[in-house]
Amino acid sequence: MRRAFTLIELLVVIAIIAILASILFPVFARARAQARKVKCASNLRQIGLALQMYAQDYDQLLPMCDPREDADGSPLDDYGAIFYVLDPYTRNNQIFRCPEDHSWYRTLANGGHGWGILSYGWIYVFNGQPIDGAAFLGVDLSQYPCLLDADNFHDRNTEQIAKNGLWLDGHVKYLTTMPEGMPGG
């Protein structure tokens, strides 16, 4: 004789699955967020390598880049945005997009070209400085990041800083506070 599941048994199984899902979904969400933060750091490391290649070709000097851009991604001053300057060294403008930066999609929806809006902000005091001994008004710039997330992409629920930063030596660090005395920051 064949016995079917009762309604109670099915409800118990569904309840167990729901409990397991409620436990596991936040874990998966945190893992995805951590993976996007790591991808952002990887993007910054690749940009750091491009900066080092640029400096090799230009007498160890950093590029002159405009840190600001208009709503379409075009630079506001005479210098090109960093992704224009480093294009021969990267050949992939997607590394200038943080995976947590969702404003890119809004830009595309509003008729923009999308990748022109940077996720990372170039600190202008690094313009034209030597890569191995950058200084600004007597301040050693090796103590400060040259490129930062433009917003708190990795933790929007906090008032404090939550950004990845790229240093001239190529290392990337997750910042929860800005380095003290940072010029141009």
Protein backbone atom coordinates (compact mmCIF):
# COMPACT_ATOMS: atom_id res chain seq x y z
CA MET A 1 0.00 0.00 0.00
CA ARG A 2 1.30 3.44 -0.99
CA ARG A 3 1.32 6.15 1.65
CA ALA A 4 1.18 9.86 0.63
CA PHE A 5 2.59 12.80 2.57
CA THR A 6 0.14 14.53 4.82
CA LEU A 7 -0.37 18.26 4.74
CA ILE A 8 1.35 18.62 8.12
CA GLU A 9 4.45 16.75 6.90
CA LEU A 10 4.67 18.99 3.82
CA LEU A 11 4.29 22.14 5.93
CA VAL A 12 7.05 20.97 8.31
CA VAL A 13 9.41 20.36 5.38
CA ILE A 14 8.58 23.78 3.90
CA ALA A 15 9.14 25.43 7.30
CA ILE A 16 12.54 23.75 7.66
CA ILE A 17 13.56 24.89 4.17
CA ALA A 18 12.38 28.44 4.97
CA ILE A 19 14.43 28.48 8.19
CA LEU A 20 17.53 27.24 6.38
CA ALA A 21 17.03 29.82 3.63
CA SER A 22 16.65 32.64 6.17
CA ILE A 23 19.95 31.56 7.72
CA LEU A 24 21.85 31.10 4.46
CA PHE A 25 20.68 34.05 2.33
CA PRO A 26 22.37 36.73 4.48
CA VAL A 27 25.57 34.66 4.45
CA PHE A 28 25.47 34.50 0.65
CA ALA A 29 24.75 38.24 0.44
CA ARG A 30 27.77 39.04 2.64
CA ALA A 31 29.94 36.71 0.56
CA ARG A 32 28.83 38.45 -2.65
CA ALA A 33 29.52 41.89 -1.13
CA GLN A 34 32.98 40.74 -0.03
CA ALA A 35 33.67 39.38 -3.53
CA ARG A 36 32.70 42.76 -5.04
CA LYS A 37 35.03 44.55 -2.59
CA VAL A 38 37.87 42.23 -3.62
CA LYS A 39 37.07 42.85 -7.32
CA CYS A 40 37.23 46.60 -6.64
CA ALA A 41 40.66 46.17 -5.00
CA SER A 42 41.78 44.11 -8.00
CA ASN A 43 40.65 46.89 -10.34
CA LEU A 44 42.67 49.41 -8.35
CA ARG A 45 45.76 47.15 -8.43
CA GLN A 46 45.48 46.96 -12.22
CA ILE A 47 45.20 50.75 -12.40
CA GLY A 48 48.29 50.93 -10.17
CA LEU A 49 50.21 48.77 -12.62
CA ALA A 50 49.06 51.03 -15.47
CA LEU A 51 50.27 54.08 -13.52
CA GLN A 52 53.67 52.44 -13.05
CA MET A 53 53.89 51.64 -16.78
CA TYR A 54 52.89 55.21 -17.62
CA ALA A 55 55.59 56.55 -15.28
CA GLN A 56 58.20 54.31 -16.95
CA ASP A 57 57.36 55.84 -20.31
CA TYR A 58 57.28 59.44 -19.03
CA ASP A 59 60.51 59.91 -17.02
CA GLN A 60 59.04 58.49 -13.79
CA LEU A 61 56.34 61.19 -13.67
CA LEU A 62 52.68 60.60 -12.87
CA PRO A 63 50.07 61.72 -15.40
CA MET A 64 48.31 65.06 -15.39
CA CYS A 65 44.67 64.04 -14.89
CA ASP A 66 41.51 65.94 -14.21
CA PRO A 67 39.91 64.64 -11.01
CA ARG A 68 36.52 66.13 -11.90
CA GLU A 69 34.11 65.33 -14.69
CA ASP A 70 30.73 66.47 -15.86
CA ALA A 71 27.60 64.32 -15.86
CA ASP A 72 28.63 62.75 -19.17
CA GLY A 73 32.07 61.70 -17.94
CA SER A 74 33.98 64.43 -19.80
CA PRO A 75 36.76 66.24 -17.92
CA LEU A 76 35.98 69.77 -16.76
CA ASP A 77 39.54 71.12 -17.24
CA ASP A 78 42.17 70.75 -19.95
CA TYR A 79 43.53 67.44 -18.67
CA GLY A 80 41.95 64.15 -19.62
CA ALA A 81 40.28 61.90 -17.09
CA ILE A 82 42.51 59.17 -15.77
CA PHE A 83 40.90 56.44 -17.88
CA TYR A 84 41.71 58.44 -21.04
CA VAL A 85 45.34 58.95 -20.00
CA LEU A 86 45.86 55.31 -19.00
CA ASP A 87 43.90 53.79 -21.91
CA PRO A 88 47.05 52.66 -23.80
CA TYR A 89 48.12 50.77 -20.68
CA THR A 90 44.80 49.23 -19.68
CA ARG A 91 42.75 48.68 -22.85
CA ASN A 92 39.83 47.89 -20.58
CA ASN A 93 37.80 50.78 -19.20
CA GLN A 94 35.77 48.39 -17.04
CA ILE A 95 38.55 48.40 -14.43
CA PHE A 96 37.58 52.01 -13.70
CA ARG A 97 34.16 50.81 -12.45
CA CYS A 98 33.69 49.53 -8.93
CA PRO A 99 31.28 46.55 -8.99
CA GLU A 100 29.39 48.18 -6.10
CA ASP A 101 28.90 51.45 -8.03
CA HIS A 102 25.31 51.20 -9.24
CA SER A 103 25.15 54.78 -10.56
CA TRP A 104 26.70 53.50 -13.81
CA TYR A 105 23.47 51.75 -14.68
CA ARG A 106 21.48 54.93 -14.03
CA THR A 107 23.88 56.76 -16.34
CA LEU A 108 23.19 54.31 -19.16
CA ALA A 109 19.45 54.54 -18.58
CA ASN A 110 19.63 58.34 -18.86
CA GLY A 111 21.29 58.18 -22.27
CA GLY A 112 24.92 58.45 -21.10
CA HIS A 113 27.69 56.19 -22.30
CA GLY A 114 28.14 54.72 -18.83
CA TRP A 115 31.78 53.85 -18.49
CA GLY A 116 32.82 57.49 -18.71
CA ILE A 117 31.65 58.14 -15.17
CA LEU A 118 34.51 57.02 -12.94
CA SER A 119 34.06 55.03 -9.76
CA TYR A 120 37.47 56.16 -8.55
CA GLY A 121 38.63 59.68 -7.78
CA TRP A 122 42.15 60.80 -8.75
CA ILE A 123 43.73 63.03 -6.09
CA TYR A 124 44.91 66.07 -8.07
CA VAL A 125 48.01 66.81 -5.94
CA PHE A 126 49.63 63.76 -7.59
CA ASN A 127 49.48 65.43 -11.04
CA GLY A 128 52.93 65.45 -12.64
CA GLN A 129 54.70 64.27 -9.48
CA PRO A 130 57.57 61.75 -9.66
CA ILE A 131 56.24 58.29 -8.85
CA ASP A 132 59.14 57.38 -6.58
CA GLY A 133 59.39 60.61 -4.55
CA ALA A 134 56.08 62.41 -4.85
CA ALA A 135 55.78 65.42 -2.55
CA PHE A 136 53.31 68.28 -2.30
CA LEU A 137 54.26 71.39 -0.33
CA GLY A 138 56.77 69.33 1.63
CA VAL A 139 54.31 66.50 2.38
CA ASP A 140 55.47 62.99 1.46
CA LEU A 141 52.68 61.71 -0.79
CA SER A 142 53.75 58.07 -0.44
CA GLN A 143 51.76 58.09 2.83
CA TYR A 144 48.49 58.81 1.00
CA PRO A 145 46.35 57.10 -1.64
CA CYS A 146 46.41 58.59 -5.15
CA LEU A 147 43.08 57.04 -6.17
CA LEU A 148 40.02 56.38 -4.00
CA ASP A 149 36.51 55.03 -4.40
CA ALA A 150 34.39 58.05 -5.27
CA ASP A 151 31.76 57.06 -2.70
CA ASN A 152 31.19 54.64 0.18
CA PHE A 153 30.34 51.88 -2.29
CA HIS A 154 31.28 49.08 0.11
CA ASP A 155 29.20 50.22 3.07
CA ARG A 156 26.53 52.77 2.26
CA ASN A 157 24.88 52.31 5.66
CA THR A 158 27.59 54.15 7.55
CA GLU A 159 28.51 57.79 7.98
CA GLN A 160 32.20 56.95 8.22
CA ILE A 161 34.56 56.29 5.32
CA ALA A 162 34.28 52.89 3.61
CA LYS A 163 36.55 53.08 0.56
CA ASN A 164 39.34 51.24 -1.20
CA GLY A 165 42.44 53.33 -1.87
CA LEU A 166 45.43 52.87 -4.21
CA TRP A 167 48.93 53.93 -3.14
CA LEU A 168 51.78 54.76 -5.54
CA ASP A 169 53.67 51.57 -4.67
CA GLY A 170 50.69 49.60 -6.04
CA HIS A 171 49.16 48.34 -2.81
CA VAL A 172 45.45 48.75 -2.13
CA LYS A 173 43.95 49.21 1.29
CA TYR A 174 40.38 49.34 2.58
CA LEU A 175 39.96 52.58 4.51
CA THR A 176 37.48 53.31 7.27
CA THR A 177 39.17 56.67 8.03
CA MET A 178 41.11 59.04 5.80
CA PRO A 179 44.84 59.34 6.50
CA GLU A 180 45.45 62.37 8.70
CA GLY A 181 46.68 65.48 6.90
CA MET A 182 45.90 64.16 3.42
CA PRO A 183 46.40 66.98 0.90
CA GLY A 184 43.72 67.42 -1.75
CA GLY A 185 41.45 64.84 -0.14
